[in-house]
């Protein structure tokens, strides 16, 4: 295993990383004697690859929960804004419409 001094590690950082990849790890030694190990990380895959959770719910129960959450969100978005403030979503709502001729 290659041991770099701190100054060498700074100067030859790309080489240090390449060697760590090839050999598995390298060490960096500071002047005060502390030693650090640099080793490549294992690829972890997609951050969206998460294990499933068994909540003990049926498919229909999950669908009902999603629908209920959408209804409650819809109620929140349809609330009238106080005077001078825009409703959630930032769009100004027209309270009176004039028909097109």
PDB file of N, CA and C in Angstrom:
ATOM      1  N   UNK A   1       0.858  -1.177   0.000  1.00  0.00           N
ATOM      2  CA  UNK A   1       0.000   0.000   0.000  1.00  0.00           C
ATOM      3  C   UNK A   1       0.902   1.237   0.000  1.00  0.00           C
ATOM      4  N   UNK A   2       0.555   2.163  -0.868  1.00  0.00           N
ATOM      5  CA  UNK A   2       1.333   3.405  -1.017  1.00  0.00           C
ATOM      6  C   UNK A   2       0.964   4.359   0.103  1.00  0.00           C
ATOM      7  N   UNK A   3       1.982   5.032   0.659  1.00  0.00           N
ATOM      8  CA  UNK A   3       1.772   6.045   1.686  1.00  0.00           C
ATOM      9  C   UNK A   3       2.222   7.378   1.115  1.00  0.00           C
ATOM     10  N   UNK A   4       1.309   8.348   1.086  1.00  0.00           N
ATOM     11  CA  UNK A   4       1.602   9.697   0.602  1.00  0.00           C
ATOM     12  C   UNK A   4       1.781  10.620   1.798  1.00  0.00           C
ATOM     13  N   UNK A   5       2.678  11.576   1.654  1.00  0.00           N
ATOM     14  CA  UNK A   5       2.692  12.659   2.637  1.00  0.00           C
ATOM     15  C   UNK A   5       1.547  13.597   2.268  1.00  0.00           C
ATOM     16  N   UNK A   6       1.195  14.460   3.185  1.00  0.00           N
ATOM     17  CA  UNK A   6       0.110  15.408   2.934  1.00  0.00           C
ATOM     18  C   UNK A   6       0.424  16.255   1.693  1.00  0.00           C
ATOM     19  N   UNK A   7       1.662  16.736   1.591  1.00  0.00           N
ATOM     20  CA  UNK A   7       2.050  17.580   0.446  1.00  0.00           C
ATOM     21  C   UNK A   7       1.975  16.794  -0.860  1.00  0.00           C
ATOM     22  N   UNK A   8       2.451  15.542  -0.845  1.00  0.00           N
ATOM     23  CA  UNK A   8       2.355  14.711  -2.046  1.00  0.00           C
ATOM     24  C   UNK A   8       0.901  14.480  -2.437  1.00  0.00           C
ATOM     25  N   UNK A   9       0.071  14.213  -1.453  1.00  0.00           N
ATOM     26  CA  UNK A   9      -1.347  13.960  -1.726  1.00  0.00           C
ATOM     27  C   UNK A   9      -1.983  15.169  -2.396  1.00  0.00           C
ATOM     28  N   UNK A  10      -1.646  16.363  -1.931  1.00  0.00           N
ATOM     29  CA  UNK A  10      -2.203  17.576  -2.560  1.00  0.00           C
ATOM     30  C   UNK A  10      -1.705  17.727  -3.988  1.00  0.00           C
ATOM     31  N   UNK A  11      -0.395  17.507  -4.207  1.00  0.00           N
ATOM     32  CA  UNK A  11       0.193  17.666  -5.544  1.00  0.00           C
ATOM     33  C   UNK A  11      -0.291  16.592  -6.516  1.00  0.00           C
ATOM     34  N   UNK A  12      -0.431  15.368  -6.036  1.00  0.00           N
ATOM     35  CA  UNK A  12      -0.709  14.225  -6.899  1.00  0.00           C
ATOM     36  C   UNK A  12      -2.066  13.607  -6.588  1.00  0.00           C
ATOM     37  N   UNK A  13      -3.062  14.449  -6.387  1.00  0.00           N
ATOM     38  CA  UNK A  13      -4.362  13.964  -5.943  1.00  0.00           C
ATOM     39  C   UNK A  13      -4.992  12.999  -6.958  1.00  0.00           C
ATOM     40  N   UNK A  14      -4.906  13.315  -8.256  1.00  0.00           N
ATOM     41  CA  UNK A  14      -5.484  12.431  -9.278  1.00  0.00           C
ATOM     42  C   UNK A  14      -4.797  11.061  -9.243  1.00  0.00           C
ATOM     43  N   UNK A  15      -3.479  11.049  -9.078  1.00  0.00           N
ATOM     44  CA  UNK A  15      -2.736   9.795  -8.986  1.00  0.00           C
ATOM     45  C   UNK A  15      -3.143   9.032  -7.727  1.00  0.00           C
ATOM     46  N   UNK A  16      -3.300   9.740  -6.625  1.00  0.00           N
ATOM     47  CA  UNK A  16      -3.727   9.126  -5.371  1.00  0.00           C
ATOM     48  C   UNK A  16      -5.062   8.421  -5.549  1.00  0.00           C
ATOM     49  N   UNK A  17      -6.021   9.085  -6.197  1.00  0.00           N
ATOM     50  CA  UNK A  17      -7.337   8.479  -6.404  1.00  0.00           C
ATOM     51  C   UNK A  17      -7.259   7.275  -7.339  1.00  0.00           C
ATOM     52  N   UNK A  18      -6.470   7.389  -8.390  1.00  0.00           N
ATOM     53  CA  UNK A  18      -6.313   6.265  -9.331  1.00  0.00           C
ATOM     54  C   UNK A  18      -5.702   5.061  -8.629  1.00  0.00           C
ATOM     55  N   UNK A  19      -4.666   5.303  -7.817  1.00  0.00           N
ATOM     56  CA  UNK A  19      -4.008   4.213  -7.103  1.00  0.00           C
ATOM     57  C   UNK A  19      -4.956   3.588  -6.077  1.00  0.00           C
ATOM     58  N   UNK A  20      -5.731   4.411  -5.402  1.00  0.00           N
ATOM     59  CA  UNK A  20      -6.699   3.884  -4.433  1.00  0.00           C
ATOM     60  C   UNK A  20      -7.715   2.995  -5.141  1.00  0.00           C
ATOM     61  N   UNK A  21      -8.128   3.395  -6.337  1.00  0.00           N
ATOM     62  CA  UNK A  21      -9.080   2.590  -7.103  1.00  0.00           C
ATOM     63  C   UNK A  21      -8.474   1.249  -7.498  1.00  0.00           C
ATOM     64  N   UNK A  22      -7.216   1.294  -7.966  1.00  0.00           N
ATOM     65  CA  UNK A  22      -6.538   0.071  -8.415  1.00  0.00           C
ATOM     66  C   UNK A  22      -6.183  -0.854  -7.256  1.00  0.00           C
ATOM     67  N   UNK A  23      -5.626  -0.295  -6.183  1.00  0.00           N
ATOM     68  CA  UNK A  23      -5.076  -1.106  -5.100  1.00  0.00           C
ATOM     69  C   UNK A  23      -6.025  -1.301  -3.917  1.00  0.00           C
ATOM     70  N   UNK A  24      -7.111  -0.573  -3.895  1.00  0.00           N
ATOM     71  CA  UNK A  24      -8.073  -0.731  -2.809  1.00  0.00           C
ATOM     72  C   UNK A  24      -8.000   0.353  -1.759  1.00  0.00           C
ATOM     73  N   UNK A  25      -6.805   0.842  -1.448  1.00  0.00           N
ATOM     74  CA  UNK A  25      -6.678   1.962  -0.511  1.00  0.00           C
ATOM     75  C   UNK A  25      -5.258   2.497  -0.529  1.00  0.00           C
ATOM     76  N   UNK A  26      -5.108   3.734  -0.120  1.00  0.00           N
ATOM     77  CA  UNK A  26      -3.804   4.371   0.091  1.00  0.00           C
ATOM     78  C   UNK A  26      -3.878   5.126   1.412  1.00  0.00           C
ATOM     79  N   UNK A  27      -2.700   5.455   1.942  1.00  0.00           N
ATOM     80  CA  UNK A  27      -2.647   6.218   3.180  1.00  0.00           C
ATOM     81  C   UNK A  27      -2.077   7.600   2.923  1.00  0.00           C
ATOM     82  N   UNK A  28      -2.536   8.542   3.709  1.00  0.00           N
ATOM     83  CA  UNK A  28      -1.992   9.896   3.692  1.00  0.00           C
ATOM     84  C   UNK A  28      -1.519  10.174   5.113  1.00  0.00           C
ATOM     85  N   UNK A  29      -0.226  10.505   5.250  1.00  0.00           N
ATOM     86  CA  UNK A  29       0.365  10.742   6.564  1.00  0.00           C
ATOM     87  C   UNK A  29       0.665  12.236   6.714  1.00  0.00           C
ATOM     88  N   UNK A  30       0.156  12.802   7.797  1.00  0.00           N
ATOM     89  CA  UNK A  30       0.421  14.217   8.088  1.00  0.00           C
ATOM     90  C   UNK A  30       1.721  14.351   8.869  1.00  0.00           C
ATOM     91  N   UNK A  31       2.218  15.552   8.919  1.00  0.00           N
ATOM     92  CA  UNK A  31       3.475  15.828   9.608  1.00  0.00           C
ATOM     93  C   UNK A  31       3.407  15.468  11.097  1.00  0.00           C
ATOM     94  N   UNK A  32       2.207  15.655  11.688  1.00  0.00           N
ATOM     95  CA  UNK A  32       2.065  15.366  13.120  1.00  0.00           C
ATOM     96  C   UNK A  32       1.885  13.872  13.404  1.00  0.00           C
ATOM     97  N   UNK A  33       1.938  13.032  12.356  1.00  0.00           N
ATOM     98  CA  UNK A  33       1.879  11.589  12.548  1.00  0.00           C
ATOM     99  C   UNK A  33       0.512  10.962  12.336  1.00  0.00           C
ATOM    100  N   UNK A  34      -0.536  11.777  12.226  1.00  0.00           N
ATOM    101  CA  UNK A  34      -1.864  11.193  11.984  1.00  0.00           C
ATOM    102  C   UNK A  34      -1.899  10.591  10.587  1.00  0.00           C
ATOM    103  N   UNK A  35      -2.565   9.448  10.483  1.00  0.00           N
ATOM    104  CA  UNK A  35      -2.645   8.731   9.206  1.00  0.00           C
ATOM    105  C   UNK A  35      -4.108   8.597   8.820  1.00  0.00           C
ATOM    106  N   UNK A  36      -4.397   8.854   7.550  1.00  0.00           N
ATOM    107  CA  UNK A  36      -5.751   8.749   7.008  1.00  0.00           C
ATOM    108  C   UNK A  36      -5.724   7.750   5.865  1.00  0.00           C
ATOM    109  N   UNK A  37      -6.785   7.015   5.713  1.00  0.00           N
ATOM    110  CA  UNK A  37      -6.899   6.018   4.651  1.00  0.00           C
ATOM    111  C   UNK A  37      -7.902   6.525   3.623  1.00  0.00           C
ATOM    112  N   UNK A  38      -7.517   6.449   2.360  1.00  0.00           N
ATOM    113  CA  UNK A  38      -8.424   6.805   1.256  1.00  0.00           C
ATOM    114  C   UNK A  38      -8.714   5.519   0.518  1.00  0.00           C
ATOM    115  N   UNK A  39     -10.008   5.182   0.438  1.00  0.00           N
ATOM    116  CA  UNK A  39     -10.390   3.962  -0.278  1.00  0.00           C
ATOM    117  C   UNK A  39     -11.619   4.265  -1.115  1.00  0.00           C
ATOM    118  N   UNK A  40     -11.754   3.578  -2.261  1.00  0.00           N
ATOM    119  CA  UNK A  40     -12.923   3.834  -3.113  1.00  0.00           C
ATOM    120  C   UNK A  40     -14.209   3.357  -2.451  1.00  0.00           C
ATOM    121  N   UNK A  41     -15.266   4.051  -2.744  1.00  0.00           N
ATOM    122  CA  UNK A  41     -16.575   3.699  -2.220  1.00  0.00           C
ATOM    123  C   UNK A  41     -17.217   2.680  -3.133  1.00  0.00           C
ATOM    124  N   UNK A  42     -17.995   1.780  -2.549  1.00  0.00           N
ATOM    125  CA  UNK A  42     -18.740   0.823  -3.364  1.00  0.00           C
ATOM    126  C   UNK A  42     -19.909   1.544  -4.021  1.00  0.00           C
ATOM    127  N   UNK A  43     -20.140   1.278  -5.306  1.00  0.00           N
ATOM    128  CA  UNK A  43     -21.305   1.908  -5.942  1.00  0.00           C
ATOM    129  C   UNK A  43     -22.582   1.428  -5.254  1.00  0.00           C
ATOM    130  N   UNK A  44     -23.438   2.362  -4.923  1.00  0.00           N
ATOM    131  CA  UNK A  44     -24.621   1.994  -4.152  1.00  0.00           C
ATOM    132  C   UNK A  44     -25.875   1.859  -5.004  1.00  0.00           C
ATOM    133  N   UNK A  45     -25.804   2.153  -6.288  1.00  0.00           N
ATOM    134  CA  UNK A  45     -26.993   2.062  -7.124  1.00  0.00           C
ATOM    135  C   UNK A  45     -27.826   3.323  -7.039  1.00  0.00           C
ATOM    136  N   UNK A  46     -29.043   3.198  -7.430  1.00  0.00           N
ATOM    137  CA  UNK A  46     -29.947   4.344  -7.456  1.00  0.00           C
ATOM    138  C   UNK A  46     -30.404   4.714  -6.044  1.00  0.00           C
ATOM    139  N   UNK A  47     -30.493   6.014  -5.747  1.00  0.00           N
ATOM    140  CA  UNK A  47     -31.024   6.400  -4.443  1.00  0.00           C
ATOM    141  C   UNK A  47     -32.503   6.048  -4.301  1.00  0.00           C
ATOM    142  N   UNK A  48     -33.141   5.701  -5.408  1.00  0.00           N
ATOM    143  CA  UNK A  48     -34.552   5.322  -5.351  1.00  0.00           C
ATOM    144  C   UNK A  48     -34.745   3.831  -5.091  1.00  0.00           C
ATOM    145  N   UNK A  49     -33.647   3.071  -5.086  1.00  0.00           N
ATOM    146  CA  UNK A  49     -33.724   1.647  -4.759  1.00  0.00           C
ATOM    147  C   UNK A  49     -33.797   1.500  -3.248  1.00  0.00           C
ATOM    148  N   UNK A  50     -34.998   1.452  -2.755  1.00  0.00           N
ATOM    149  CA  UNK A  50     -35.196   1.304  -1.316  1.00  0.00           C
ATOM    150  C   UNK A  50     -36.029   0.053  -1.079  1.00  0.00           C
ATOM    151  N   UNK A  51     -35.795  -0.610   0.011  1.00  0.00           N
ATOM    152  CA  UNK A  51     -36.595  -1.813   0.272  1.00  0.00           C
ATOM    153  C   UNK A  51     -38.043  -1.446   0.554  1.00  0.00           C
ATOM    154  N   UNK A  52     -38.933  -2.333   0.172  1.00  0.00           N
ATOM    155  CA  UNK A  52     -40.349  -2.107   0.416  1.00  0.00           C
ATOM    156  C   UNK A  52     -40.674  -2.242   1.902  1.00  0.00           C
ATOM    157  N   UNK A  53     -41.778  -1.648   2.284  1.00  0.00           N
ATOM    158  CA  UNK A  53     -42.235  -1.723   3.669  1.00  0.00           C
ATOM    159  C   UNK A  53     -43.582  -2.414   3.680  1.00  0.00           C
ATOM    160  N   UNK A  54     -43.703  -3.452   4.476  1.00  0.00           N
ATOM    161  CA  UNK A  54     -44.982  -4.135   4.587  1.00  0.00           C
ATOM    162  C   UNK A  54     -45.786  -3.458   5.681  1.00  0.00           C
ATOM    163  N   UNK A  55     -46.732  -2.608   5.284  1.00  0.00           N
ATOM    164  CA  UNK A  55     -47.551  -1.871   6.247  1.00  0.00           C
ATOM    165  C   UNK A  55     -48.803  -2.652   6.618  1.00  0.00           C
ATOM    166  N   UNK A  56     -48.985  -3.805   6.007  1.00  0.00           N
ATOM    167  CA  UNK A  56     -50.154  -4.606   6.320  1.00  0.00           C
ATOM    168  C   UNK A  56     -51.437  -4.035   5.751  1.00  0.00           C
ATOM    169  N   UNK A  57     -51.345  -3.231   4.692  1.00  0.00           N
ATOM    170  CA  UNK A  57     -52.512  -2.622   4.060  1.00  0.00           C
ATOM    171  C   UNK A  57     -52.812  -3.319   2.743  1.00  0.00           C
ATOM    172  N   UNK A  58     -54.084  -3.419   2.423  1.00  0.00           N
ATOM    173  CA  UNK A  58     -54.460  -3.977   1.126  1.00  0.00           C
ATOM    174  C   UNK A  58     -54.302  -2.894   0.060  1.00  0.00           C
ATOM    175  N   UNK A  59     -54.347  -3.310  -1.174  1.00  0.00           N
ATOM    176  CA  UNK A  59     -54.245  -2.364  -2.283  1.00  0.00           C
ATOM    177  C   UNK A  59     -55.374  -1.336  -2.206  1.00  0.00           C
ATOM    178  N   UNK A  60     -56.564  -1.787  -1.912  1.00  0.00           N
ATOM    179  CA  UNK A  60     -57.708  -0.877  -1.845  1.00  0.00           C
ATOM    180  C   UNK A  60     -57.542   0.132  -0.711  1.00  0.00           C
ATOM    181  N   UNK A  61     -56.996  -0.285   0.415  1.00  0.00           N
ATOM    182  CA  UNK A  61     -56.765   0.647   1.523  1.00  0.00           C
ATOM    183  C   UNK A  61     -55.759   1.727   1.135  1.00  0.00           C
ATOM    184  N   UNK A  62     -54.715   1.348   0.405  1.00  0.00           N
ATOM    185  CA  UNK A  62     -53.726   2.327  -0.053  1.00  0.00           C
ATOM    186  C   UNK A  62     -54.376   3.314  -1.022  1.00  0.00           C
ATOM    187  N   UNK A  63     -55.177   2.799  -1.957  1.00  0.00           N
ATOM    188  CA  UNK A  63     -55.872   3.665  -2.920  1.00  0.00           C
ATOM    189  C   UNK A  63     -56.780   4.634  -2.177  1.00  0.00           C
ATOM    190  N   UNK A  64     -57.526   4.154  -1.185  1.00  0.00           N
ATOM    191  CA  UNK A  64     -58.413   5.032  -0.413  1.00  0.00           C
ATOM    192  C   UNK A  64     -57.633   6.113   0.330  1.00  0.00           C
ATOM    193  N   UNK A  65     -56.489   5.758   0.887  1.00  0.00           N
ATOM    194  CA  UNK A  65     -55.663   6.748   1.587  1.00  0.00           C
ATOM    195  C   UNK A  65     -55.148   7.830   0.633  1.00  0.00           C
ATOM    196  N   UNK A  66     -54.723   7.416  -0.554  1.00  0.00           N
ATOM    197  CA  UNK A  66     -54.238   8.385  -1.541  1.00  0.00           C
ATOM    198  C   UNK A  66     -55.374   9.304  -1.977  1.00  0.00           C
ATOM    199  N   UNK A  67     -56.532   8.742  -2.233  1.00  0.00           N
ATOM    200  CA  UNK A  67     -57.671   9.571  -2.638  1.00  0.00           C
ATOM    201  C   UNK A  67     -58.053  10.566  -1.543  1.00  0.00           C
ATOM    202  N   UNK A  68     -58.063  10.129  -0.297  1.00  0.00           N
ATOM    203  CA  UNK A  68     -58.399  11.018   0.806  1.00  0.00           C
ATOM    204  C   UNK A  68     -57.372  12.150   0.934  1.00  0.00           C
ATOM    205  N   UNK A  69     -56.101  11.826   0.749  1.00  0.00           N
ATOM    206  CA  UNK A  69     -55.082  12.880   0.839  1.00  0.00           C
ATOM    207  C   UNK A  69     -55.251  13.893  -0.289  1.00  0.00           C
ATOM    208  N   UNK A  70     -55.656  13.425  -1.454  1.00  0.00           N
ATOM    209  CA  UNK A  70     -55.894  14.352  -2.567  1.00  0.00           C
ATOM    210  C   UNK A  70     -57.098  15.238  -2.293  1.00  0.00           C
ATOM    211  N   UNK A  71     -58.142  14.678  -1.689  1.00  0.00           N
ATOM    212  CA  UNK A  71     -59.323  15.480  -1.352  1.00  0.00           C
ATOM    213  C   UNK A  71     -58.960  16.555  -0.330  1.00  0.00           C
ATOM    214  N   UNK A  72     -58.195  16.191   0.688  1.00  0.00           N
ATOM    215  CA  UNK A  72     -57.850  17.180   1.712  1.00  0.00           C
ATOM    216  C   UNK A  72     -56.940  18.251   1.138  1.00  0.00           C
ATOM    217  N   UNK A  73     -56.052  17.888   0.216  1.00  0.00           N
ATOM    218  CA  UNK A  73     -55.208  18.885  -0.439  1.00  0.00           C
ATOM    219  C   UNK A  73     -56.059  19.791  -1.307  1.00  0.00           C
ATOM    220  N   UNK A  74     -57.041  19.225  -1.989  1.00  0.00           N
ATOM    221  CA  UNK A  74     -57.941  20.029  -2.821  1.00  0.00           C
ATOM    222  C   UNK A  74     -58.710  21.041  -1.992  1.00  0.00           C
ATOM    223  N   UNK A  75     -59.152  20.643  -0.806  1.00  0.00           N
ATOM    224  CA  UNK A  75     -59.845  21.593   0.071  1.00  0.00           C
ATOM    225  C   UNK A  75     -58.918  22.734   0.460  1.00  0.00           C
ATOM    226  N   UNK A  76     -57.665  22.423   0.724  1.00  0.00           N
ATOM    227  CA  UNK A  76     -56.706  23.451   1.092  1.00  0.00           C
ATOM    228  C   UNK A  76     -56.491  24.430  -0.056  1.00  0.00           C
ATOM    229  N   UNK A  77     -56.359  23.911  -1.265  1.00  0.00           N
ATOM    230  CA  UNK A  77     -56.082  24.770  -2.412  1.00  0.00           C
ATOM    231  C   UNK A  77     -57.287  25.607  -2.821  1.00  0.00           C
ATOM    232  N   UNK A  78     -58.493  25.159  -2.488  1.00  0.00           N
ATOM    233  CA  UNK A  78     -59.696  25.893  -2.886  1.00  0.00           C
ATOM    234  C   UNK A  78     -60.133  26.936  -1.853  1.00  0.00           C
ATOM    235  N   UNK A  79     -59.396  27.092  -0.768  1.00  0.00           N
ATOM    236  CA  UNK A  79     -59.743  28.101   0.227  1.00  0.00           C
ATOM    237  C   UNK A  79     -59.574  29.483  -0.386  1.00  0.00           C
ATOM    238  N   UNK A  80     -60.421  30.407   0.034  1.00  0.00           N
ATOM    239  CA  UNK A  80     -60.300  31.770  -0.482  1.00  0.00           C
ATOM    240  C   UNK A  80     -59.194  32.482   0.266  1.00  0.00           C
ATOM    241  N   UNK A  81     -58.436  33.273  -0.448  1.00  0.00           N
ATOM    242  CA  UNK A  81     -57.317  34.002   0.137  1.00  0.00           C
ATOM    243  C   UNK A  81     -57.819  35.277   0.791  1.00  0.00           C
ATOM    244  N   UNK A  82     -57.130  35.741   1.837  1.00  0.00           N
ATOM    245  CA  UNK A  82     -57.499  37.012   2.448  1.00  0.00           C
ATOM    246  C   UNK A  82     -57.346  38.146   1.438  1.00  0.00           C
ATOM    247  N   UNK A  83     -58.068  39.260   1.629  1.00  0.00           N
ATOM    248  CA  UNK A  83     -57.962  40.378   0.687  1.00  0.00           C
ATOM    249  C   UNK A  83     -56.513  40.816   0.525  1.00  0.00           C
ATOM    250  N   UNK A  84     -56.125  41.029  -0.718  1.00  0.00           N
ATOM    251  CA  UNK A  84     -54.775  41.501  -1.014  1.00  0.00           C
ATOM    252  C   UNK A  84     -53.745  40.398  -1.140  1.00  0.00           C
ATOM    253  N   UNK A  85     -54.128  39.164  -0.859  1.00  0.00           N
ATOM    254  CA  UNK A  85     -53.188  38.044  -0.979  1.00  0.00           C
ATOM    255  C   UNK A  85     -53.681  37.099  -2.049  1.00  0.00           C
ATOM    256  N   UNK A  86     -52.726  36.498  -2.739  1.00  0.00           N
ATOM    257  CA  UNK A  86     -53.083  35.529  -3.774  1.00  0.00           C
ATOM    258  C   UNK A  86     -53.335  34.171  -3.152  1.00  0.00           C
ATOM    259  N   UNK A  87     -54.207  33.392  -3.762  1.00  0.00           N
ATOM    260  CA  UNK A  87     -54.466  32.044  -3.253  1.00  0.00           C
ATOM    261  C   UNK A  87     -53.257  31.150  -3.477  1.00  0.00           C
ATOM    262  N   UNK A  88     -53.192  29.998  -2.819  1.00  0.00           N
ATOM    263  CA  UNK A  88     -52.082  29.070  -3.057  1.00  0.00           C
ATOM    264  C   UNK A  88     -51.973  28.759  -4.545  1.00  0.00           C
ATOM    265  N   UNK A  89     -50.769  28.686  -5.034  1.00  0.00           N
ATOM    266  CA  UNK A  89     -50.545  28.450  -6.456  1.00  0.00           C
ATOM    267  C   UNK A  89     -50.167  29.742  -7.163  1.00  0.00           C
ATOM    268  N   UNK A  90     -50.398  30.892  -6.516  1.00  0.00           N
ATOM    269  CA  UNK A  90     -49.935  32.162  -7.035  1.00  0.00           C
ATOM    270  C   UNK A  90     -50.775  32.787  -8.129  1.00  0.00           C
ATOM    271  N   UNK A  91     -51.847  32.137  -8.563  1.00  0.00           N
ATOM    272  CA  UNK A  91     -52.654  32.711  -9.635  1.00  0.00           C
ATOM    273  C   UNK A  91     -53.750  33.579  -9.048  1.00  0.00           C
ATOM    274  N   UNK A  92     -54.022  34.653  -9.723  1.00  0.00           N
ATOM    275  CA  UNK A  92     -55.096  35.522  -9.291  1.00  0.00           C
ATOM    276  C   UNK A  92     -56.400  34.964  -9.846  1.00  0.00           C
ATOM    277  N   UNK A  93     -57.403  34.834  -8.999  1.00  0.00           N
ATOM    278  CA  UNK A  93     -58.681  34.289  -9.436  1.00  0.00           C
ATOM    279  C   UNK A  93     -59.632  35.422  -9.773  1.00  0.00           C
ATOM    280  N   UNK A  94     -60.337  35.246 -10.866  1.00  0.00           N
ATOM    281  CA  UNK A  94     -61.344  36.234 -11.258  1.00  0.00           C
ATOM    282  C   UNK A  94     -62.658  35.869 -10.592  1.00  0.00           C
ATOM    283  N   UNK A  95     -63.177  36.794  -9.789  1.00  0.00           N
ATOM    284  CA  UNK A  95     -64.423  36.498  -9.106  1.00  0.00           C
ATOM    285  C   UNK A  95     -65.622  36.779 -10.009  1.00  0.00           C
ATOM    286  N   UNK A  96     -65.480  37.706 -10.934  1.00  0.00           N
ATOM    287  CA  UNK A  96     -66.573  37.979 -11.877  1.00  0.00           C
ATOM    288  C   UNK A  96     -66.030  37.849 -13.285  1.00  0.00           C
ATOM    289  N   UNK A  97     -66.792  37.159 -14.073  1.00  0.00           N
ATOM    290  CA  UNK A  97     -66.408  37.012 -15.469  1.00  0.00           C
ATOM    291  C   UNK A  97     -67.430  37.703 -16.327  1.00  0.00           C
ATOM    292  N   UNK A  98     -66.943  38.344 -17.347  1.00  0.00           N
ATOM    293  CA  UNK A  98     -67.866  38.943 -18.307  1.00  0.00           C
ATOM    294  C   UNK A  98     -67.926  38.051 -19.515  1.00  0.00           C
ATOM    295  N   UNK A  99     -69.116  37.719 -19.961  1.00  0.00           N
ATOM    296  CA  UNK A  99     -69.234  36.847 -21.139  1.00  0.00           C
ATOM    297  C   UNK A  99     -68.691  37.539 -22.379  1.00  0.00           C
ATOM    298  N   UNK A 100     -68.098  36.740 -23.239  1.00  0.00           N
ATOM    299  CA  UNK A 100     -67.594  37.295 -24.507  1.00  0.00           C
ATOM    300  C   UNK A 100     -68.763  37.506 -25.449  1.00  0.00           C
ATOM    301  N   UNK A 101     -68.726  38.633 -26.188  1.00  0.00           N
ATOM    302  CA  UNK A 101     -69.815  38.905 -27.122  1.00  0.00           C
ATOM    303  C   UNK A 101     -69.515  38.367 -28.494  1.00  0.00           C
TER     304      UNK A 101
END
